[in-house]
Protein backbone atom coordinates (compact mmCIF):
# COMPACT_ATOMS: atom_id res chain seq x y z
CA UNK A 1 21.71 45.58 23.88
CA UNK A 2 19.34 47.59 22.41
CA UNK A 3 17.29 48.00 19.28
CA UNK A 4 17.46 50.52 16.61
CA UNK A 5 14.96 50.75 13.88
CA UNK A 6 16.14 50.43 10.43
CA UNK A 7 15.08 53.98 8.39
CA UNK A 8 11.99 53.67 6.41
CA UNK A 9 11.50 55.81 2.91
CA UNK A 10 8.33 57.44 3.71
CA UNK A 11 8.19 58.65 0.17
CA UNK A 12 8.58 55.27 -1.28
CA UNK A 13 6.06 54.04 1.34
CA UNK A 14 3.28 56.48 -0.22
CA UNK A 15 4.35 55.41 -3.72
CA UNK A 16 3.77 51.77 -3.20
CA UNK A 17 0.40 52.56 -1.58
CA UNK A 18 -0.46 54.73 -4.48
CA UNK A 19 0.22 51.97 -6.87
CA UNK A 20 -1.91 49.66 -5.07
CA UNK A 21 -4.62 51.81 -5.14
CA UNK A 22 -3.79 52.52 -8.62
CA UNK A 23 -4.45 48.88 -9.40
CA UNK A 24 -7.72 48.76 -7.31
CA UNK A 25 -9.24 51.86 -9.16
CA UNK A 26 -8.42 50.43 -12.71
CA UNK A 27 -11.62 48.45 -12.04
CA UNK A 28 -13.42 51.58 -13.02
CA UNK A 29 -11.40 53.57 -15.99
CA UNK A 30 -13.80 54.34 -18.49
CA UNK A 31 -11.00 55.12 -21.15
CA UNK A 32 -8.63 52.27 -20.15
CA UNK A 33 -9.21 48.65 -20.32
CA UNK A 34 -9.00 46.69 -16.86
CA UNK A 35 -6.71 44.06 -18.33
CA UNK A 36 -4.63 46.80 -20.12
CA UNK A 37 -4.17 48.75 -17.00
CA UNK A 38 -3.16 45.78 -14.87
CA UNK A 39 -0.74 44.54 -17.12
CA UNK A 40 0.72 48.03 -17.16
CA UNK A 41 0.86 48.05 -13.55
CA UNK A 42 2.60 44.52 -13.26
CA UNK A 43 5.18 45.44 -16.02
CA UNK A 44 5.70 48.81 -14.24
CA UNK A 45 6.68 47.14 -11.03
CA UNK A 46 10.04 45.59 -12.58
CA UNK A 47 11.66 49.25 -13.13
CA UNK A 48 10.31 50.87 -10.43
CA UNK A 49 11.49 48.34 -8.00
CA UNK A 50 15.18 48.59 -9.97
CA UNK A 51 14.88 52.37 -9.56
CA UNK A 52 13.77 52.46 -6.32
CA UNK A 53 16.79 50.30 -5.05
CA UNK A 54 14.66 47.18 -4.10
CA UNK A 55 15.72 44.99 -7.28
CA UNK A 56 15.83 41.89 -4.30
CA UNK A 57 11.72 42.48 -4.37
CA UNK A 58 11.27 41.38 -7.58
CA UNK A 59 11.69 37.53 -6.13
CA UNK A 60 8.92 38.57 -4.08
CA UNK A 61 6.71 39.57 -7.49
CA UNK A 62 8.00 36.45 -9.01
CA UNK A 63 6.63 34.22 -6.50
CA UNK A 64 3.34 35.88 -6.57
CA UNK A 65 3.44 35.43 -10.01
CA UNK A 66 3.71 31.60 -9.69
CA UNK A 67 0.97 31.47 -7.44
CA UNK A 68 -1.30 33.30 -9.44
CA UNK A 69 -0.58 31.01 -12.43
CA UNK A 70 -0.95 27.94 -10.49
CA UNK A 71 -4.35 29.24 -9.17
CA UNK A 72 -5.43 30.36 -12.45
CA UNK A 73 -4.66 26.81 -14.24
CA UNK A 74 -7.18 25.45 -11.79
CA UNK A 75 -9.71 28.10 -11.80
CA UNK A 76 -9.57 29.39 -15.46
CA UNK A 77 -12.88 28.13 -16.34
CA UNK A 78 -14.83 29.83 -13.59
CA UNK A 79 -13.60 33.31 -15.01
CA UNK A 80 -15.53 35.51 -17.39
CA UNK A 81 -16.43 39.31 -16.66
CA UNK A 82 -19.31 41.60 -18.13
CA UNK A 83 -16.06 43.43 -19.78
CA UNK A 84 -14.17 42.81 -22.76
CA UNK A 85 -11.03 41.33 -21.41
CA UNK A 86 -8.20 39.81 -22.86
CA UNK A 87 -8.50 35.90 -23.46
CA UNK A 88 -5.89 33.36 -24.55
CA UNK A 89 -6.39 29.71 -24.99
CA UNK A 90 -9.43 30.12 -22.79
CA UNK A 91 -7.24 32.05 -20.01
CA UNK A 92 -8.82 35.14 -18.98
CA UNK A 93 -5.61 37.33 -18.67
CA UNK A 94 -7.17 39.83 -15.98
CA UNK A 95 -7.12 37.67 -12.91
CA UNK A 96 -3.61 36.19 -13.29
CA UNK A 97 -1.99 39.78 -13.35
CA UNK A 98 -4.80 41.14 -10.81
CA UNK A 99 -3.59 38.19 -8.41
CA UNK A 100 0.15 38.78 -9.10
CA UNK A 101 -0.11 42.32 -8.45
CA UNK A 102 -2.36 42.15 -5.31
CA UNK A 103 -0.62 39.57 -3.35
CA UNK A 104 2.82 41.50 -4.14
CA UNK A 105 1.27 44.81 -3.07
CA UNK A 106 -0.28 43.64 0.25
CA UNK A 107 3.46 42.16 0.92
CA UNK A 108 4.98 45.28 0.31
CA UNK A 109 2.81 46.97 2.76
CA UNK A 110 3.20 44.48 5.26
CA UNK A 111 7.15 45.17 4.71
CA UNK A 112 6.98 48.64 5.60
CA UNK A 113 5.00 48.24 8.75
CA UNK A 114 6.49 44.92 10.50
CA UNK A 115 9.65 46.96 11.61
CA UNK A 116 7.23 48.36 14.14
CA UNK A 117 6.72 44.96 15.75
CA UNK A 118 10.11 43.81 16.58
CA UNK A 119 9.17 41.55 19.32
CA UNK A 120 6.17 39.86 17.12
CA UNK A 121 6.62 36.03 16.86
CA UNK A 122 6.40 34.63 13.17
CA UNK A 123 2.78 33.27 13.66
CA UNK A 124 1.81 36.59 14.63
CA UNK A 125 3.37 38.18 11.70
CA UNK A 126 1.53 35.91 9.43
CA UNK A 127 -1.56 36.59 11.42
CA UNK A 128 -0.90 40.34 11.04
CA UNK A 129 -0.36 39.51 7.07
CA UNK A 130 -3.22 37.72 6.60
CA UNK A 131 -5.42 40.21 8.26
CA UNK A 132 -4.15 42.89 6.17
CA UNK A 133 -4.62 40.73 3.14
CA UNK A 134 -7.92 39.88 3.78
CA UNK A 135 -8.76 43.49 4.61
CA UNK A 136 -7.53 44.62 1.36
CA UNK A 137 -9.17 41.70 -0.59
CA UNK A 138 -12.50 42.43 0.89
CA UNK A 139 -12.54 45.88 0.29
CA UNK A 140 -11.38 45.44 -3.36
CA UNK A 141 -14.12 42.80 -4.01
CA UNK A 142 -16.78 44.89 -2.34
CA UNK A 143 -16.04 48.03 -4.48
CA UNK A 144 -15.61 45.85 -7.52
CA UNK A 145 -19.06 44.09 -7.23
CA UNK A 146 -21.00 46.76 -5.44
CA UNK A 147 -19.70 50.18 -7.04
CA UNK A 148 -17.82 49.37 -10.45
CA UNK A 149 -20.26 46.76 -11.61
CA UNK A 150 -17.18 44.84 -12.16
CA UNK A 151 -18.51 41.25 -12.15
CA UNK A 152 -17.54 37.56 -12.77
CA UNK A 153 -20.61 36.72 -14.82
CA UNK A 154 -19.17 33.01 -15.11
CA UNK A 155 -19.95 32.53 -11.14
CA UNK A 156 -22.90 34.69 -10.68
CA UNK A 157 -25.21 32.07 -9.85
CA UNK A 158 -23.05 31.33 -6.67
CA UNK A 159 -23.69 33.20 -3.48
CA UNK A 160 -21.23 35.52 -2.15
CA UNK A 161 -19.76 35.49 1.63
CA UNK A 162 -22.36 36.19 4.30
CA UNK A 163 -23.04 39.78 5.36
CA UNK A 164 -20.21 41.30 2.68
CA UNK A 165 -21.98 39.91 -0.60
CA UNK A 166 -18.97 39.57 -2.64
CA UNK A 167 -16.85 36.90 -4.03
CA UNK A 168 -19.78 35.12 -5.74
CA UNK A 169 -17.82 31.84 -6.68
CA UNK A 170 -17.96 28.18 -5.65
CA UNK A 171 -16.87 27.29 -2.26
CA UNK A 172 -13.55 25.42 -3.47
CA UNK A 173 -12.75 28.98 -5.19
CA UNK A 174 -13.94 31.09 -1.98
CA UNK A 175 -11.03 28.72 0.06
CA UNK A 176 -8.40 29.78 -2.56
CA UNK A 177 -9.44 33.29 -2.16
CA UNK A 178 -9.07 33.49 1.50
CA UNK A 179 -5.80 31.07 1.51
CA UNK A 180 -3.69 32.56 -1.42
CA UNK A 181 -2.59 35.40 0.74
CA UNK A 182 -1.29 33.25 3.80
CA UNK A 183 0.17 30.89 1.33
CA UNK A 184 2.15 33.48 -0.33
CA UNK A 185 3.57 34.94 2.67
CA UNK A 186 4.58 31.00 3.94
CA UNK A 187 6.11 30.38 0.58
CA UNK A 188 8.07 33.62 0.92
CA UNK A 189 9.45 32.66 4.52
CA UNK A 190 10.05 29.23 3.60
CA UNK A 191 12.07 30.42 0.62
CA UNK A 192 13.72 32.69 3.17
CA UNK A 193 13.59 35.45 0.77
CA UNK A 194 15.13 39.05 2.06
CA UNK A 195 12.98 41.84 3.16
CA UNK A 196 12.05 44.12 -0.03
CA UNK A 197 12.62 47.17 1.47
CA UNK A 198 16.01 46.38 2.72
CA UNK A 199 17.78 43.33 1.22
CA UNK A 200 18.00 42.05 4.60
CA UNK A 201 15.77 39.38 6.64
CA UNK A 202 16.25 41.61 9.44
CA UNK A 203 14.02 44.43 10.03
CA UNK A 204 15.93 45.19 13.13
CA UNK A 205 19.61 45.20 13.94
CA UNK A 206 21.20 44.87 17.45
CA UNK A 207 23.90 47.41 18.77
CA UNK A 208 25.87 47.74 22.03
CA UNK A 209 23.88 49.83 24.52
């Protein structure tokens, strides 16, 4: 028996990363409000996934949205920015869509790379996903705070993470920031959602040697 890697669509992989980068850069567009931009990116994902033949990935996006909703219901009183952003019934809309897009974007990147680790155990896959998630989270937060001057004034009195000087929120919110990604991964795995790029839970298939 031998393993054959399922083909990956390189242009789609590049497009996925471009969308993730666009979501980060939306923090600093002077001609488009960040909340309008992130909502547009979120809504664009539905037709984008459909036309790239990955409608099954919408389930992953919906799970990310549910986790973002649950988190915001708990932490909504601790969000208030130094920008004009849409607020509905006391809920700042920006973090809702930012978390949904961010979690889903990390999973899309993860799904492109995991086929390279065909012998990786489930726990190691979760570690790989978590490291990828934390890396992108820290980069996004550092850019937002230090370079784009996009700040959560509602929690500005709190200290940030040591050395990184970002994520200036209460400790319990820091825990959510760090655990939202791994939690999302575990939920997708427990629900046995298909790979967003192939529609199958198997990244590799076996064939007769």
